[in-house]
N, C-alpha and C. Protein backbone atom coordinates (compact mmCIF):
# COMPACT_ATOMS: atom_id res chain seq x y z
N MET A 1 13.13 16.34 16.03
CA MET A 1 12.03 16.53 15.92
C MET A 1 11.03 15.92 14.69
N ARG A 2 10.15 16.64 14.98
CA ARG A 2 9.48 15.99 13.05
C ARG A 2 8.48 17.02 12.81
N MET A 3 8.25 17.08 11.83
CA MET A 3 6.94 18.83 11.51
C MET A 3 6.13 18.71 10.01
N PHE A 4 4.81 18.38 10.94
CA PHE A 4 4.28 18.07 9.47
C PHE A 4 3.36 19.52 9.53
N VAL A 5 3.30 20.26 8.16
CA VAL A 5 1.66 21.19 7.12
C VAL A 5 0.99 19.83 6.72
N ALA A 6 -0.33 20.89 6.54
CA ALA A 6 -1.18 19.46 6.61
C ALA A 6 -1.11 18.30 6.13
N GLY A 7 -0.64 17.22 7.40
CA GLY A 7 -0.54 16.23 6.98
C GLY A 7 0.86 15.64 6.55
N GLN A 8 1.54 16.81 5.85
CA GLN A 8 3.58 16.04 4.83
C GLN A 8 3.55 16.51 6.02
N GLU A 9 5.11 15.81 5.64
CA GLU A 9 5.98 16.04 6.77
C GLU A 9 6.95 16.70 6.14
N ALA A 10 7.44 17.95 7.13
CA ALA A 10 8.49 18.55 6.50
C ALA A 10 9.88 18.28 6.99
N HIS A 11 10.57 17.57 5.12
CA HIS A 11 12.10 18.06 6.26
C HIS A 11 12.73 18.66 6.05
N GLY A 12 13.25 19.65 6.81
CA GLY A 12 13.90 20.95 6.85
C GLY A 12 12.92 22.07 7.05
N ASP A 13 13.65 23.40 7.35
CA ASP A 13 13.14 24.47 7.25
C ASP A 13 12.47 25.15 6.41
N ILE A 14 13.17 24.02 4.55
CA ILE A 14 12.57 26.04 3.43
C ILE A 14 11.69 24.57 3.51
N GLU A 15 12.06 22.68 3.42
CA GLU A 15 10.65 22.67 2.79
C GLU A 15 9.81 22.65 3.75
N PHE A 16 9.67 23.00 5.38
CA PHE A 16 8.66 23.09 6.05
C PHE A 16 7.86 25.19 5.85
N ALA A 17 8.61 25.95 4.97
CA ALA A 17 8.45 27.10 4.25
C ALA A 17 7.07 26.38 3.10
N GLU A 18 8.20 26.14 3.14
CA GLU A 18 7.39 25.82 0.99
C GLU A 18 5.87 25.62 1.85
N LEU A 19 6.08 24.44 2.60
CA LEU A 19 4.68 23.79 2.47
C LEU A 19 3.80 24.72 3.40
N ALA A 20 4.15 25.56 4.62
CA ALA A 20 3.39 26.34 5.09
C ALA A 20 3.15 26.60 4.50
N LEU A 21 3.57 28.16 3.88
CA LEU A 21 3.46 28.81 2.90
C LEU A 21 2.65 29.07 1.59
N GLY A 22 3.24 28.19 1.37
CA GLY A 22 2.57 27.34 -0.63
C GLY A 22 3.48 28.10 -1.47
N ILE A 23 4.80 28.96 -1.23
CA ILE A 23 5.91 29.31 -2.24
C ILE A 23 6.68 28.03 -2.00
N ASP A 24 7.20 27.89 -3.26
CA ASP A 24 8.68 26.82 -3.75
C ASP A 24 9.91 27.98 -4.77
N VAL A 25 10.38 28.11 -3.46
CA VAL A 25 11.79 28.81 -2.73
C VAL A 25 12.75 28.53 -3.91
N ASP A 26 13.08 27.55 -4.29
CA ASP A 26 13.40 28.01 -5.39
C ASP A 26 12.94 28.67 -6.93
N LEU A 27 11.78 28.42 -7.43
CA LEU A 27 11.23 29.07 -8.16
C LEU A 27 11.27 30.43 -7.89
N PHE A 28 11.05 31.24 -6.89
CA PHE A 28 11.70 32.98 -6.48
C PHE A 28 13.14 33.70 -6.62
N ARG A 29 12.87 32.34 -5.83
CA ARG A 29 15.14 32.53 -6.14
C ARG A 29 16.16 32.19 -6.45
N GLY A 30 15.77 31.48 -6.95
CA GLY A 30 16.42 30.29 -8.27
C GLY A 30 17.03 28.90 -6.94
N PRO A 31 17.45 27.92 -8.25
CA PRO A 31 18.43 26.84 -8.13
C PRO A 31 19.98 27.30 -7.46
N LEU A 32 20.01 26.62 -6.78
CA LEU A 32 20.99 26.97 -5.92
C LEU A 32 22.32 25.99 -6.18
N GLU A 33 21.78 25.27 -7.83
CA GLU A 33 23.30 24.25 -8.59
C GLU A 33 23.41 25.68 -10.58
N PHE A 34 23.41 25.16 -11.08
CA PHE A 34 23.35 25.75 -12.49
C PHE A 34 22.56 26.15 -13.46
N GLU A 35 21.73 26.89 -14.15
CA GLU A 35 20.74 26.46 -14.49
C GLU A 35 20.90 27.52 -16.16
N THR A 36 20.51 26.97 -16.99
CA THR A 36 21.07 27.45 -18.35
C THR A 36 20.54 28.54 -18.15
N ASP A 37 20.47 29.98 -19.21
CA ASP A 37 19.15 30.88 -19.13
C ASP A 37 18.47 30.63 -19.74
N GLY A 38 17.86 29.86 -20.84
CA GLY A 38 16.71 28.79 -20.62
C GLY A 38 15.48 28.60 -19.80
N GLU A 39 16.05 28.12 -19.64
CA GLU A 39 16.57 27.37 -17.23
C GLU A 39 15.19 28.41 -16.85
N ARG A 40 16.67 30.26 -16.43
CA ARG A 40 16.24 30.68 -15.49
C ARG A 40 14.77 30.94 -16.42
N ALA A 41 15.75 31.32 -17.17
CA ALA A 41 13.99 32.95 -17.99
C ALA A 41 12.84 32.08 -17.97
N ALA A 42 12.98 31.18 -18.39
CA ALA A 42 11.44 30.49 -17.83
C ALA A 42 10.56 30.55 -16.81
N ARG A 43 12.37 29.63 -15.70
CA ARG A 43 11.44 29.91 -14.53
C ARG A 43 11.28 31.47 -13.62
N GLU A 44 12.46 32.53 -14.08
CA GLU A 44 11.97 33.82 -13.73
C GLU A 44 10.29 34.44 -14.46
N ASP A 45 10.02 34.38 -15.56
CA ASP A 45 8.40 34.44 -16.29
C ASP A 45 7.19 33.30 -14.92
N ALA A 46 7.57 32.27 -15.07
CA ALA A 46 6.64 31.92 -14.16
C ALA A 46 6.41 32.70 -12.54
N ALA A 47 7.49 32.61 -12.29
CA ALA A 47 7.58 33.35 -11.16
C ALA A 47 6.91 34.60 -10.55
N ARG A 48 7.30 35.33 -12.29
CA ARG A 48 6.80 36.54 -12.21
C ARG A 48 5.70 35.99 -11.95
N ASP A 49 4.43 35.89 -13.41
CA ASP A 49 2.71 35.06 -13.50
C ASP A 49 2.68 34.49 -11.88
N ILE A 50 3.37 34.20 -11.64
CA ILE A 50 2.50 33.60 -9.89
C ILE A 50 2.24 34.73 -9.48
N LEU A 51 3.40 35.57 -8.99
CA LEU A 51 3.00 36.68 -8.12
C LEU A 51 2.13 38.17 -8.30
N ALA A 52 2.05 37.82 -9.51
CA ALA A 52 0.77 38.43 -10.04
C ALA A 52 -0.12 38.12 -9.85
N ASP A 53 -0.68 36.72 -10.34
CA ASP A 53 -2.26 35.90 -9.23
C ASP A 53 -1.81 36.10 -8.38
N LEU A 54 -0.51 36.33 -7.42
CA LEU A 54 -0.73 36.64 -5.76
C LEU A 54 -1.54 38.15 -5.44
N ARG A 55 -0.87 38.98 -5.83
CA ARG A 55 -0.67 41.02 -5.34
C ARG A 55 -2.88 40.84 -6.42
N ALA A 56 -3.01 39.82 -6.83
CA ALA A 56 -4.26 40.08 -7.54
C ALA A 56 -4.44 39.92 -6.70
N GLU A 57 -5.08 38.35 -5.59
CA GLU A 57 -5.61 37.80 -4.70
C GLU A 57 -5.68 38.43 -2.91
N ALA A 58 -4.75 39.11 -3.84
CA ALA A 58 -4.26 40.30 -2.57
C ALA A 58 -5.16 41.32 -2.37
N ALA A 59 -4.95 41.83 -3.65
CA ALA A 59 -5.47 42.94 -3.80
C ALA A 59 -7.50 42.63 -4.12
N ALA A 60 -7.41 41.64 -3.89
CA ALA A 60 -9.96 41.16 -3.88
C ALA A 60 -9.75 41.30 -2.67
N GLY A 61 -8.38 41.53 -1.71
CA GLY A 61 -9.06 41.20 -0.40
C GLY A 61 -8.39 39.82 0.34
N ASP A 62 -7.25 39.38 -0.22
CA ASP A 62 -7.11 37.61 0.06
C ASP A 62 -5.84 37.81 1.59
N GLU A 63 -6.08 38.28 2.54
CA GLU A 63 -5.49 38.70 3.15
C GLU A 63 -3.35 37.70 2.94
N VAL A 64 -3.83 36.62 2.90
CA VAL A 64 -3.02 35.07 3.21
C VAL A 64 -2.22 35.67 2.31
N ALA A 65 -3.13 35.51 0.49
CA ALA A 65 -2.31 35.94 -0.37
C ALA A 65 -1.83 37.09 -0.84
N GLY A 66 -1.84 38.05 -0.21
CA GLY A 66 -0.91 39.69 -0.13
C GLY A 66 0.78 38.80 0.64
N TRP A 67 -0.56 38.45 2.12
CA TRP A 67 1.79 37.74 3.14
C TRP A 67 2.44 37.32 1.61
N ASP A 68 1.72 36.36 0.99
CA ASP A 68 2.40 35.13 0.76
C ASP A 68 3.85 36.19 -0.70
N ALA A 69 1.93 37.58 -1.33
CA ALA A 69 3.21 38.20 -2.08
C ALA A 69 4.27 38.52 -2.05
N LEU A 70 4.42 39.18 -1.10
CA LEU A 70 5.11 40.06 -0.09
C LEU A 70 6.56 38.76 -0.62
N TYR A 71 6.50 37.19 0.13
CA TYR A 71 7.67 36.50 1.20
C TYR A 71 8.38 36.04 -0.88
N ALA A 72 6.65 36.48 -1.65
CA ALA A 72 7.35 35.95 -3.09
C ALA A 72 8.52 36.81 -3.50
N ASP A 73 8.09 38.02 -3.14
CA ASP A 73 9.30 39.35 -3.53
C ASP A 73 10.07 39.73 -3.22
N ALA A 74 10.26 39.04 -1.72
CA ALA A 74 11.33 39.43 -1.29
C ALA A 74 12.37 38.48 -1.61
N LEU A 75 11.61 36.81 -1.90
CA LEU A 75 12.32 36.20 -2.55
C LEU A 75 13.35 36.56 -4.12
N THR A 76 13.01 36.89 -4.90
CA THR A 76 12.89 37.13 -6.11
C THR A 76 14.14 38.50 -6.10
N ARG A 77 14.11 39.06 -4.67
CA ARG A 77 15.50 40.74 -4.51
C ARG A 77 16.46 39.11 -3.94
N THR A 78 16.66 37.59 -4.25
CA THR A 78 18.03 37.18 -2.96
C THR A 78 19.04 36.67 -4.25
N VAL A 79 20.30 36.52 -3.91
CA VAL A 79 21.13 35.27 -4.54
C VAL A 79 21.02 34.60 -4.09
N PRO A 80 21.15 33.23 -4.28
CA PRO A 80 21.38 32.50 -3.44
C PRO A 80 23.04 32.30 -3.11
N PHE A 81 23.66 32.21 -1.94
CA PHE A 81 25.17 32.73 -1.34
C PHE A 81 26.11 31.65 -2.40
N LEU A 82 26.09 30.44 -3.05
CA LEU A 82 26.57 29.32 -4.28
C LEU A 82 26.75 30.21 -5.30
N ARG A 83 25.53 30.45 -6.11
CA ARG A 83 25.49 30.85 -6.97
C ARG A 83 26.19 32.10 -7.18
N SER A 84 25.96 33.34 -6.35
CA SER A 84 27.20 33.75 -6.71
C SER A 84 28.67 34.38 -6.01
N VAL A 85 29.06 33.06 -5.69
CA VAL A 85 30.23 32.68 -5.70
C VAL A 85 31.23 32.10 -7.04
N ARG A 86 30.14 31.27 -7.25
CA ARG A 86 30.37 31.16 -8.77
C ARG A 86 30.14 32.03 -9.75
N VAL A 87 29.04 32.91 -9.78
CA VAL A 87 30.10 34.22 -11.04
C VAL A 87 30.36 35.10 -10.86
N HIS A 88 31.15 35.63 -9.24
CA HIS A 88 31.85 35.81 -8.99
C HIS A 88 33.37 36.09 -9.72
N ARG A 89 33.94 34.14 -9.31
CA ARG A 89 34.98 33.41 -9.21
C ARG A 89 34.96 33.66 -11.07
N ALA A 90 33.63 33.47 -11.78
CA ALA A 90 33.99 33.48 -13.40
C ALA A 90 33.92 35.06 -13.79
N GLY A 91 34.08 35.76 -12.41
CA GLY A 91 34.23 36.90 -13.32
C GLY A 91 35.77 36.68 -13.10
N THR A 92 36.69 36.50 -13.16
CA THR A 92 37.99 37.08 -11.89
C THR A 92 39.01 35.83 -12.36
N GLY A 93 37.75 35.13 -12.82
CA GLY A 93 39.30 34.05 -13.67
C GLY A 93 38.98 32.41 -12.84
N GLU A 94 39.06 32.61 -11.85
CA GLU A 94 39.03 32.43 -10.96
C GLU A 94 38.53 30.64 -11.00
N ALA A 95 39.22 28.93 -10.81
CA ALA A 95 37.89 28.19 -10.56
C ALA A 95 37.17 28.16 -10.30
N ALA A 96 35.59 27.55 -10.65
CA ALA A 96 34.23 27.57 -9.54
C ALA A 96 34.31 26.74 -8.71
């Protein structure tokens, strides 16, 4: 089955959610592959700024921005499984 959001084809569940909600999952959750400390800091700074904007829009009465803010905030509290395994193995000396 093909999925379209606003005329764009979504290739998978995450892309569908990104198109439908306007939220970049990797920006708030973090990428599945390795990122340097600098890349992570820049990504987290951008995510904080966008989340603050969404919260401000929600406070001004934009209900959709409020729901987007809740979703984005929840994503910031998750850790991709592949990344958590790599960190765990690195801490134990086991090859990642």
